[in-house]
């Protein structure tokens, strides 16, 4: 796959996954912070796992986020420059 196609694919995957990943990170961090202070906001844990009150995506939310993250990491690894130095034997 050419480098420009990989860049376009990586960019589209990261644009798709940034919002659900941000929601997951923010809700999980806030829930842990509030737990430290003895406050229990269980609705944050519901959001963290994909239950958005009217729309319940819990069965597919975690696997989809996992696959998007793995795919973004793998496509990002293909964007690393390769060494052009040839070692002499």
PDB file of N, CA and C in Angstrom:
ATOM      1  N   UNK A   1       0.852  -1.174   0.000  1.00  0.00           N
ATOM      2  CA  UNK A   1       0.000   0.000   0.000  1.00  0.00           C
ATOM      3  C   UNK A   1       0.894   1.232   0.000  1.00  0.00           C
ATOM      4  N   UNK A   2       0.564   2.218  -0.809  1.00  0.00           N
ATOM      5  CA  UNK A   2       1.407   3.405  -0.886  1.00  0.00           C
ATOM      6  C   UNK A   2       1.254   4.257   0.365  1.00  0.00           C
ATOM      7  N   UNK A   3       2.240   5.115   0.565  1.00  0.00           N
ATOM      8  CA  UNK A   3       2.275   5.930   1.781  1.00  0.00           C
ATOM      9  C   UNK A   3       1.109   6.921   1.818  1.00  0.00           C
ATOM     10  N   UNK A   4       0.704   7.465   0.682  1.00  0.00           N
ATOM     11  CA  UNK A   4      -0.413   8.417   0.684  1.00  0.00           C
ATOM     12  C   UNK A   4      -1.730   7.727   1.011  1.00  0.00           C
ATOM     13  N   UNK A   5      -1.912   6.491   0.527  1.00  0.00           N
ATOM     14  CA  UNK A   5      -3.128   5.755   0.864  1.00  0.00           C
ATOM     15  C   UNK A   5      -3.154   5.414   2.349  1.00  0.00           C
ATOM     16  N   UNK A   6      -1.980   5.060   2.889  1.00  0.00           N
ATOM     17  CA  UNK A   6      -1.896   4.749   4.316  1.00  0.00           C
ATOM     18  C   UNK A   6      -2.193   5.980   5.154  1.00  0.00           C
ATOM     19  N   UNK A   7      -1.688   7.142   4.730  1.00  0.00           N
ATOM     20  CA  UNK A   7      -1.964   8.385   5.458  1.00  0.00           C
ATOM     21  C   UNK A   7      -3.451   8.719   5.444  1.00  0.00           C
ATOM     22  N   UNK A   8      -4.076   8.574   4.285  1.00  0.00           N
ATOM     23  CA  UNK A   8      -5.513   8.865   4.173  1.00  0.00           C
ATOM     24  C   UNK A   8      -6.325   7.891   5.021  1.00  0.00           C
ATOM     25  N   UNK A   9      -5.962   6.625   4.995  1.00  0.00           N
ATOM     26  CA  UNK A   9      -6.657   5.619   5.788  1.00  0.00           C
ATOM     27  C   UNK A   9      -6.481   5.890   7.280  1.00  0.00           C
ATOM     28  N   UNK A  10      -5.248   6.193   7.693  1.00  0.00           N
ATOM     29  CA  UNK A  10      -4.968   6.495   9.094  1.00  0.00           C
ATOM     30  C   UNK A  10      -5.737   7.737   9.543  1.00  0.00           C
ATOM     31  N   UNK A  11      -5.749   8.755   8.723  1.00  0.00           N
ATOM     32  CA  UNK A  11      -6.463   9.987   9.064  1.00  0.00           C
ATOM     33  C   UNK A  11      -7.964   9.741   9.203  1.00  0.00           C
ATOM     34  N   UNK A  12      -8.537   8.964   8.300  1.00  0.00           N
ATOM     35  CA  UNK A  12      -9.979   8.715   8.387  1.00  0.00           C
ATOM     36  C   UNK A  12     -10.329   7.870   9.611  1.00  0.00           C
ATOM     37  N   UNK A  13      -9.503   6.874   9.921  1.00  0.00           N
ATOM     38  CA  UNK A  13      -9.762   6.035  11.093  1.00  0.00           C
ATOM     39  C   UNK A  13      -9.652   6.851  12.372  1.00  0.00           C
ATOM     40  N   UNK A  14      -8.633   7.695  12.462  1.00  0.00           N
ATOM     41  CA  UNK A  14      -8.475   8.487  13.687  1.00  0.00           C
ATOM     42  C   UNK A  14      -9.574   9.527  13.819  1.00  0.00           C
ATOM     43  N   UNK A  15     -10.044  10.085  12.720  1.00  0.00           N
ATOM     44  CA  UNK A  15     -11.157  11.033  12.806  1.00  0.00           C
ATOM     45  C   UNK A  15     -12.446  10.352  13.265  1.00  0.00           C
ATOM     46  N   UNK A  16     -12.638   9.104  12.849  1.00  0.00           N
ATOM     47  CA  UNK A  16     -13.822   8.362  13.272  1.00  0.00           C
ATOM     48  C   UNK A  16     -13.733   8.000  14.747  1.00  0.00           C
ATOM     49  N   UNK A  17     -12.547   7.619  15.202  1.00  0.00           N
ATOM     50  CA  UNK A  17     -12.423   7.082  16.553  1.00  0.00           C
ATOM     51  C   UNK A  17     -12.132   8.118  17.627  1.00  0.00           C
ATOM     52  N   UNK A  18     -11.836   9.358  17.276  1.00  0.00           N
ATOM     53  CA  UNK A  18     -11.435  10.330  18.288  1.00  0.00           C
ATOM     54  C   UNK A  18     -12.579  10.676  19.247  1.00  0.00           C
ATOM     55  N   UNK A  19     -13.788  10.802  18.770  1.00  0.00           N
ATOM     56  CA  UNK A  19     -14.897  11.203  19.642  1.00  0.00           C
ATOM     57  C   UNK A  19     -15.262  10.102  20.635  1.00  0.00           C
ATOM     58  N   UNK A  20     -15.489   8.849  20.202  1.00  0.00           N
ATOM     59  CA  UNK A  20     -15.795   7.828  21.207  1.00  0.00           C
ATOM     60  C   UNK A  20     -14.639   7.561  22.166  1.00  0.00           C
ATOM     61  N   UNK A  21     -13.402   7.639  21.693  1.00  0.00           N
ATOM     62  CA  UNK A  21     -12.267   7.454  22.595  1.00  0.00           C
ATOM     63  C   UNK A  21     -12.181   8.583  23.617  1.00  0.00           C
ATOM     64  N   UNK A  22     -12.436   9.805  23.183  1.00  0.00           N
ATOM     65  CA  UNK A  22     -12.414  10.938  24.101  1.00  0.00           C
ATOM     66  C   UNK A  22     -13.509  10.809  25.151  1.00  0.00           C
ATOM     67  N   UNK A  23     -14.700  10.392  24.744  1.00  0.00           N
ATOM     68  CA  UNK A  23     -15.800  10.188  25.694  1.00  0.00           C
ATOM     69  C   UNK A  23     -15.440   9.113  26.703  1.00  0.00           C
ATOM     70  N   UNK A  24     -14.835   8.028  26.240  1.00  0.00           N
ATOM     71  CA  UNK A  24     -14.452   6.933  27.129  1.00  0.00           C
ATOM     72  C   UNK A  24     -13.377   7.366  28.122  1.00  0.00           C
ATOM     73  N   UNK A  25     -12.373   8.063  27.643  1.00  0.00           N
ATOM     74  CA  UNK A  25     -11.292   8.512  28.525  1.00  0.00           C
ATOM     75  C   UNK A  25     -11.810   9.526  29.541  1.00  0.00           C
ATOM     76  N   UNK A  26     -12.595  10.486  29.076  1.00  0.00           N
ATOM     77  CA  UNK A  26     -13.094  11.531  29.967  1.00  0.00           C
ATOM     78  C   UNK A  26     -14.035  10.971  31.029  1.00  0.00           C
ATOM     79  N   UNK A  27     -14.974  10.127  30.624  1.00  0.00           N
ATOM     80  CA  UNK A  27     -15.925   9.587  31.598  1.00  0.00           C
ATOM     81  C   UNK A  27     -15.239   8.645  32.589  1.00  0.00           C
ATOM     82  N   UNK A  28     -14.294   7.838  32.125  1.00  0.00           N
ATOM     83  CA  UNK A  28     -13.571   6.951  33.030  1.00  0.00           C
ATOM     84  C   UNK A  28     -12.693   7.714  34.012  1.00  0.00           C
ATOM     85  N   UNK A  29     -12.041   8.751  33.540  1.00  0.00           N
ATOM     86  CA  UNK A  29     -11.196   9.564  34.422  1.00  0.00           C
ATOM     87  C   UNK A  29     -12.028  10.320  35.451  1.00  0.00           C
ATOM     88  N   UNK A  30     -13.131  10.913  34.999  1.00  0.00           N
ATOM     89  CA  UNK A  30     -13.987  11.633  35.937  1.00  0.00           C
ATOM     90  C   UNK A  30     -14.606  10.702  36.968  1.00  0.00           C
ATOM     91  N   UNK A  31     -15.019   9.507  36.541  1.00  0.00           N
ATOM     92  CA  UNK A  31     -15.592   8.548  37.480  1.00  0.00           C
ATOM     93  C   UNK A  31     -14.574   8.157  38.547  1.00  0.00           C
ATOM     94  N   UNK A  32     -13.336   7.895  38.133  1.00  0.00           N
ATOM     95  CA  UNK A  32     -12.286   7.540  39.096  1.00  0.00           C
ATOM     96  C   UNK A  32     -11.983   8.696  40.039  1.00  0.00           C
ATOM     97  N   UNK A  33     -11.969   9.896  39.513  1.00  0.00           N
ATOM     98  CA  UNK A  33     -11.710  11.072  40.344  1.00  0.00           C
ATOM     99  C   UNK A  33     -12.814  11.267  41.376  1.00  0.00           C
ATOM    100  N   UNK A  34     -14.048  11.142  40.950  1.00  0.00           N
ATOM    101  CA  UNK A  34     -15.171  11.307  41.880  1.00  0.00           C
ATOM    102  C   UNK A  34     -15.212  10.178  42.906  1.00  0.00           C
ATOM    103  N   UNK A  35     -14.831   8.968  42.512  1.00  0.00           N
ATOM    104  CA  UNK A  35     -14.762   7.852  43.457  1.00  0.00           C
ATOM    105  C   UNK A  35     -13.730   8.124  44.546  1.00  0.00           C
ATOM    106  N   UNK A  36     -12.643   8.764  44.192  1.00  0.00           N
ATOM    107  CA  UNK A  36     -11.606   9.102  45.164  1.00  0.00           C
ATOM    108  C   UNK A  36     -12.162  10.031  46.245  1.00  0.00           C
ATOM    109  N   UNK A  37     -13.060  10.922  45.865  1.00  0.00           N
ATOM    110  CA  UNK A  37     -13.646  11.851  46.818  1.00  0.00           C
ATOM    111  C   UNK A  37     -14.922  11.310  47.466  1.00  0.00           C
ATOM    112  N   UNK A  38     -15.255  10.068  47.204  1.00  0.00           N
ATOM    113  CA  UNK A  38     -16.400   9.429  47.829  1.00  0.00           C
ATOM    114  C   UNK A  38     -17.728   9.719  47.145  1.00  0.00           C
ATOM    115  N   UNK A  39     -17.690  10.218  45.933  1.00  0.00           N
ATOM    116  CA  UNK A  39     -18.911  10.507  45.180  1.00  0.00           C
ATOM    117  C   UNK A  39     -19.139   9.395  44.170  1.00  0.00           C
ATOM    118  N   UNK A  40     -20.381   8.962  44.052  1.00  0.00           N
ATOM    119  CA  UNK A  40     -20.686   7.881  43.129  1.00  0.00           C
ATOM    120  C   UNK A  40     -21.620   8.390  42.040  1.00  0.00           C
ATOM    121  N   UNK A  41     -21.043   8.706  40.904  1.00  0.00           N
ATOM    122  CA  UNK A  41     -21.817   9.112  39.728  1.00  0.00           C
ATOM    123  C   UNK A  41     -21.825   7.938  38.756  1.00  0.00           C
ATOM    124  N   UNK A  42     -22.762   7.004  38.987  1.00  0.00           N
ATOM    125  CA  UNK A  42     -22.782   5.779  38.195  1.00  0.00           C
ATOM    126  C   UNK A  42     -23.133   6.041  36.736  1.00  0.00           C
ATOM    127  N   UNK A  43     -23.811   7.148  36.468  1.00  0.00           N
ATOM    128  CA  UNK A  43     -24.152   7.470  35.082  1.00  0.00           C
ATOM    129  C   UNK A  43     -22.889   7.695  34.245  1.00  0.00           C
ATOM    130  N   UNK A  44     -21.789   8.118  34.876  1.00  0.00           N
ATOM    131  CA  UNK A  44     -20.533   8.251  34.136  1.00  0.00           C
ATOM    132  C   UNK A  44     -20.006   6.887  33.694  1.00  0.00           C
ATOM    133  N   UNK A  45     -20.191   5.887  34.537  1.00  0.00           N
ATOM    134  CA  UNK A  45     -19.757   4.544  34.155  1.00  0.00           C
ATOM    135  C   UNK A  45     -20.625   3.990  33.030  1.00  0.00           C
ATOM    136  N   UNK A  46     -21.900   4.345  33.026  1.00  0.00           N
ATOM    137  CA  UNK A  46     -22.762   3.919  31.923  1.00  0.00           C
ATOM    138  C   UNK A  46     -22.300   4.533  30.614  1.00  0.00           C
ATOM    139  N   UNK A  47     -21.974   5.825  30.644  1.00  0.00           N
ATOM    140  CA  UNK A  47     -21.457   6.481  29.441  1.00  0.00           C
ATOM    141  C   UNK A  47     -20.126   5.857  29.039  1.00  0.00           C
ATOM    142  N   UNK A  48     -19.301   5.553  30.009  1.00  0.00           N
ATOM    143  CA  UNK A  48     -17.987   4.962  29.765  1.00  0.00           C
ATOM    144  C   UNK A  48     -18.095   3.631  29.018  1.00  0.00           C
ATOM    145  N   UNK A  49     -19.139   2.876  29.300  1.00  0.00           N
ATOM    146  CA  UNK A  49     -19.302   1.567  28.661  1.00  0.00           C
ATOM    147  C   UNK A  49     -20.205   1.589  27.438  1.00  0.00           C
ATOM    148  N   UNK A  50     -20.713   2.762  27.055  1.00  0.00           N
ATOM    149  CA  UNK A  50     -21.466   2.865  25.805  1.00  0.00           C
ATOM    150  C   UNK A  50     -22.962   2.988  25.944  1.00  0.00           C
ATOM    151  N   UNK A  51     -23.471   3.186  27.147  1.00  0.00           N
ATOM    152  CA  UNK A  51     -24.905   3.388  27.331  1.00  0.00           C
ATOM    153  C   UNK A  51     -25.166   4.897  27.363  1.00  0.00           C
ATOM    154  N   UNK A  52     -25.650   5.428  26.254  1.00  0.00           N
ATOM    155  CA  UNK A  52     -25.876   6.866  26.125  1.00  0.00           C
ATOM    156  C   UNK A  52     -27.346   7.215  26.362  1.00  0.00           C
ATOM    157  N   UNK A  53     -27.906   6.676  27.438  1.00  0.00           N
ATOM    158  CA  UNK A  53     -29.267   6.919  27.908  1.00  0.00           C
ATOM    159  C   UNK A  53     -30.312   6.487  26.878  1.00  0.00           C
ATOM    160  N   UNK A  54     -30.489   7.198  25.798  1.00  0.00           N
ATOM    161  CA  UNK A  54     -31.492   6.811  24.801  1.00  0.00           C
ATOM    162  C   UNK A  54     -30.960   5.760  23.828  1.00  0.00           C
ATOM    163  N   UNK A  55     -29.670   5.765  23.616  1.00  0.00           N
ATOM    164  CA  UNK A  55     -29.038   4.813  22.705  1.00  0.00           C
ATOM    165  C   UNK A  55     -28.091   3.926  23.513  1.00  0.00           C
ATOM    166  N   UNK A  56     -28.370   2.640  23.527  1.00  0.00           N
ATOM    167  CA  UNK A  56     -27.542   1.705  24.280  1.00  0.00           C
ATOM    168  C   UNK A  56     -26.648   0.932  23.307  1.00  0.00           C
ATOM    169  N   UNK A  57     -25.376   1.294  23.286  1.00  0.00           N
ATOM    170  CA  UNK A  57     -24.410   0.632  22.408  1.00  0.00           C
ATOM    171  C   UNK A  57     -23.461  -0.286  23.170  1.00  0.00           C
ATOM    172  N   UNK A  58     -23.818  -0.656  24.402  1.00  0.00           N
ATOM    173  CA  UNK A  58     -22.922  -1.439  25.238  1.00  0.00           C
ATOM    174  C   UNK A  58     -22.436  -2.742  24.604  1.00  0.00           C
ATOM    175  N   UNK A  59     -23.278  -3.502  23.907  1.00  0.00           N
ATOM    176  CA  UNK A  59     -22.771  -4.771  23.358  1.00  0.00           C
ATOM    177  C   UNK A  59     -21.671  -4.599  22.310  1.00  0.00           C
ATOM    178  N   UNK A  60     -21.671  -3.485  21.586  1.00  0.00           N
ATOM    179  CA  UNK A  60     -20.689  -3.327  20.511  1.00  0.00           C
ATOM    180  C   UNK A  60     -19.670  -2.224  20.770  1.00  0.00           C
ATOM    181  N   UNK A  61     -19.881  -1.399  21.801  1.00  0.00           N
ATOM    182  CA  UNK A  61     -19.047  -0.216  22.017  1.00  0.00           C
ATOM    183  C   UNK A  61     -17.592  -0.579  22.302  1.00  0.00           C
ATOM    184  N   UNK A  62     -17.348  -1.461  23.235  1.00  0.00           N
ATOM    185  CA  UNK A  62     -15.969  -1.829  23.593  1.00  0.00           C
ATOM    186  C   UNK A  62     -15.233  -2.548  22.467  1.00  0.00           C
ATOM    187  N   UNK A  63     -15.841  -3.543  21.816  1.00  0.00           N
ATOM    188  CA  UNK A  63     -15.110  -4.180  20.711  1.00  0.00           C
ATOM    189  C   UNK A  63     -14.804  -3.225  19.554  1.00  0.00           C
ATOM    190  N   UNK A  64     -15.751  -2.356  19.226  1.00  0.00           N
ATOM    191  CA  UNK A  64     -15.522  -1.407  18.137  1.00  0.00           C
ATOM    192  C   UNK A  64     -14.399  -0.439  18.500  1.00  0.00           C
ATOM    193  N   UNK A  65     -14.407   0.069  19.739  1.00  0.00           N
ATOM    194  CA  UNK A  65     -13.324   0.954  20.172  1.00  0.00           C
ATOM    195  C   UNK A  65     -11.978   0.233  20.158  1.00  0.00           C
ATOM    196  N   UNK A  66     -11.972  -1.010  20.575  1.00  0.00           N
ATOM    197  CA  UNK A  66     -10.736  -1.787  20.560  1.00  0.00           C
ATOM    198  C   UNK A  66     -10.201  -1.977  19.155  1.00  0.00           C
ATOM    199  N   UNK A  67     -11.064  -2.370  18.226  1.00  0.00           N
ATOM    200  CA  UNK A  67     -10.628  -2.573  16.845  1.00  0.00           C
ATOM    201  C   UNK A  67     -10.183  -1.260  16.207  1.00  0.00           C
ATOM    202  N   UNK A  68     -10.901  -0.166  16.456  1.00  0.00           N
ATOM    203  CA  UNK A  68     -10.493   1.127  15.913  1.00  0.00           C
ATOM    204  C   UNK A  68      -9.129   1.549  16.455  1.00  0.00           C
ATOM    205  N   UNK A  69      -8.902   1.314  17.735  1.00  0.00           N
ATOM    206  CA  UNK A  69      -7.623   1.687  18.334  1.00  0.00           C
ATOM    207  C   UNK A  69      -6.489   0.846  17.762  1.00  0.00           C
ATOM    208  N   UNK A  70      -6.688  -0.455  17.673  1.00  0.00           N
ATOM    209  CA  UNK A  70      -5.654  -1.333  17.110  1.00  0.00           C
ATOM    210  C   UNK A  70      -5.368  -0.974  15.658  1.00  0.00           C
ATOM    211  N   UNK A  71      -6.412  -0.717  14.897  1.00  0.00           N
ATOM    212  CA  UNK A  71      -6.230  -0.373  13.485  1.00  0.00           C
ATOM    213  C   UNK A  71      -5.514   0.957  13.334  1.00  0.00           C
ATOM    214  N   UNK A  72      -5.836   1.936  14.185  1.00  0.00           N
ATOM    215  CA  UNK A  72      -5.156   3.235  14.128  1.00  0.00           C
ATOM    216  C   UNK A  72      -3.677   3.087  14.495  1.00  0.00           C
ATOM    217  N   UNK A  73      -3.376   2.247  15.482  1.00  0.00           N
ATOM    218  CA  UNK A  73      -1.984   2.029  15.872  1.00  0.00           C
ATOM    219  C   UNK A  73      -1.212   1.345  14.743  1.00  0.00           C
ATOM    220  N   UNK A  74      -1.802   0.315  14.161  1.00  0.00           N
ATOM    221  CA  UNK A  74      -1.114  -0.407  13.088  1.00  0.00           C
ATOM    222  C   UNK A  74      -0.903   0.463  11.858  1.00  0.00           C
ATOM    223  N   UNK A  75      -1.915   1.231  11.486  1.00  0.00           N
ATOM    224  CA  UNK A  75      -1.740   2.110  10.324  1.00  0.00           C
ATOM    225  C   UNK A  75      -0.742   3.215  10.634  1.00  0.00           C
ATOM    226  N   UNK A  76      -0.680   3.653  11.881  1.00  0.00           N
ATOM    227  CA  UNK A  76       0.309   4.657  12.265  1.00  0.00           C
ATOM    228  C   UNK A  76       1.723   4.096  12.225  1.00  0.00           C
ATOM    229  N   UNK A  77       1.878   2.823  12.571  1.00  0.00           N
ATOM    230  CA  UNK A  77       3.208   2.207  12.509  1.00  0.00           C
ATOM    231  C   UNK A  77       3.736   2.134  11.083  1.00  0.00           C
ATOM    232  N   UNK A  78       2.835   1.968  10.112  1.00  0.00           N
ATOM    233  CA  UNK A  78       3.266   1.930   8.721  1.00  0.00           C
ATOM    234  C   UNK A  78       3.708   3.305   8.216  1.00  0.00           C
ATOM    235  N   UNK A  79       3.394   4.355   8.949  1.00  0.00           N
ATOM    236  CA  UNK A  79       3.795   5.691   8.538  1.00  0.00           C
ATOM    237  C   UNK A  79       5.192   6.068   9.027  1.00  0.00           C
ATOM    238  N   UNK A  80       5.769   5.267   9.914  1.00  0.00           N
ATOM    239  CA  UNK A  80       7.117   5.553  10.381  1.00  0.00           C
ATOM    240  C   UNK A  80       8.096   5.450   9.213  1.00  0.00           C
ATOM    241  N   UNK A  81       9.046   6.368   9.170  1.00  0.00           N
ATOM    242  CA  UNK A  81      10.027   6.280   8.078  1.00  0.00           C
ATOM    243  C   UNK A  81      10.936   5.069   8.258  1.00  0.00           C
ATOM    244  N   UNK A  82      11.255   4.458   7.166  1.00  0.00           N
ATOM    245  CA  UNK A  82      12.151   3.309   7.200  1.00  0.00           C
ATOM    246  C   UNK A  82      13.582   3.798   7.049  1.00  0.00           C
ATOM    247  N   UNK A  83      14.464   3.134   7.694  1.00  0.00           N
ATOM    248  CA  UNK A  83      15.873   3.506   7.634  1.00  0.00           C
ATOM    249  C   UNK A  83      16.392   3.245   6.224  1.00  0.00           C
ATOM    250  N   UNK A  84      17.116   4.213   5.699  1.00  0.00           N
ATOM    251  CA  UNK A  84      17.680   4.069   4.347  1.00  0.00           C
ATOM    252  C   UNK A  84      19.164   3.725   4.391  1.00  0.00           C
ATOM    253  N   UNK A  85      19.673   3.512   5.601  1.00  0.00           N
ATOM    254  CA  UNK A  85      21.078   3.173   5.746  1.00  0.00           C
ATOM    255  C   UNK A  85      21.252   1.683   5.507  1.00  0.00           C
ATOM    256  N   UNK A  86      22.134   1.360   4.609  1.00  0.00           N
ATOM    257  CA  UNK A  86      22.447  -0.045   4.333  1.00  0.00           C
ATOM    258  C   UNK A  86      23.699  -0.402   5.129  1.00  0.00           C
ATOM    259  N   UNK A  87      23.591  -1.450   5.903  1.00  0.00           N
ATOM    260  CA  UNK A  87      24.732  -1.902   6.691  1.00  0.00           C
ATOM    261  C   UNK A  87      25.651  -2.754   5.822  1.00  0.00           C
ATOM    262  N   UNK A  88      26.930  -2.487   5.949  1.00  0.00           N
ATOM    263  CA  UNK A  88      27.916  -3.273   5.196  1.00  0.00           C
ATOM    264  C   UNK A  88      28.291  -4.500   6.013  1.00  0.00           C
ATOM    265  N   UNK A  89      28.317  -5.615   5.344  1.00  0.00           N
ATOM    266  CA  UNK A  89      28.681  -6.875   6.028  1.00  0.00           C
ATOM    267  C   UNK A  89      30.168  -7.055   6.058  1.00  0.00           C
TER     268      UNK A  89
END
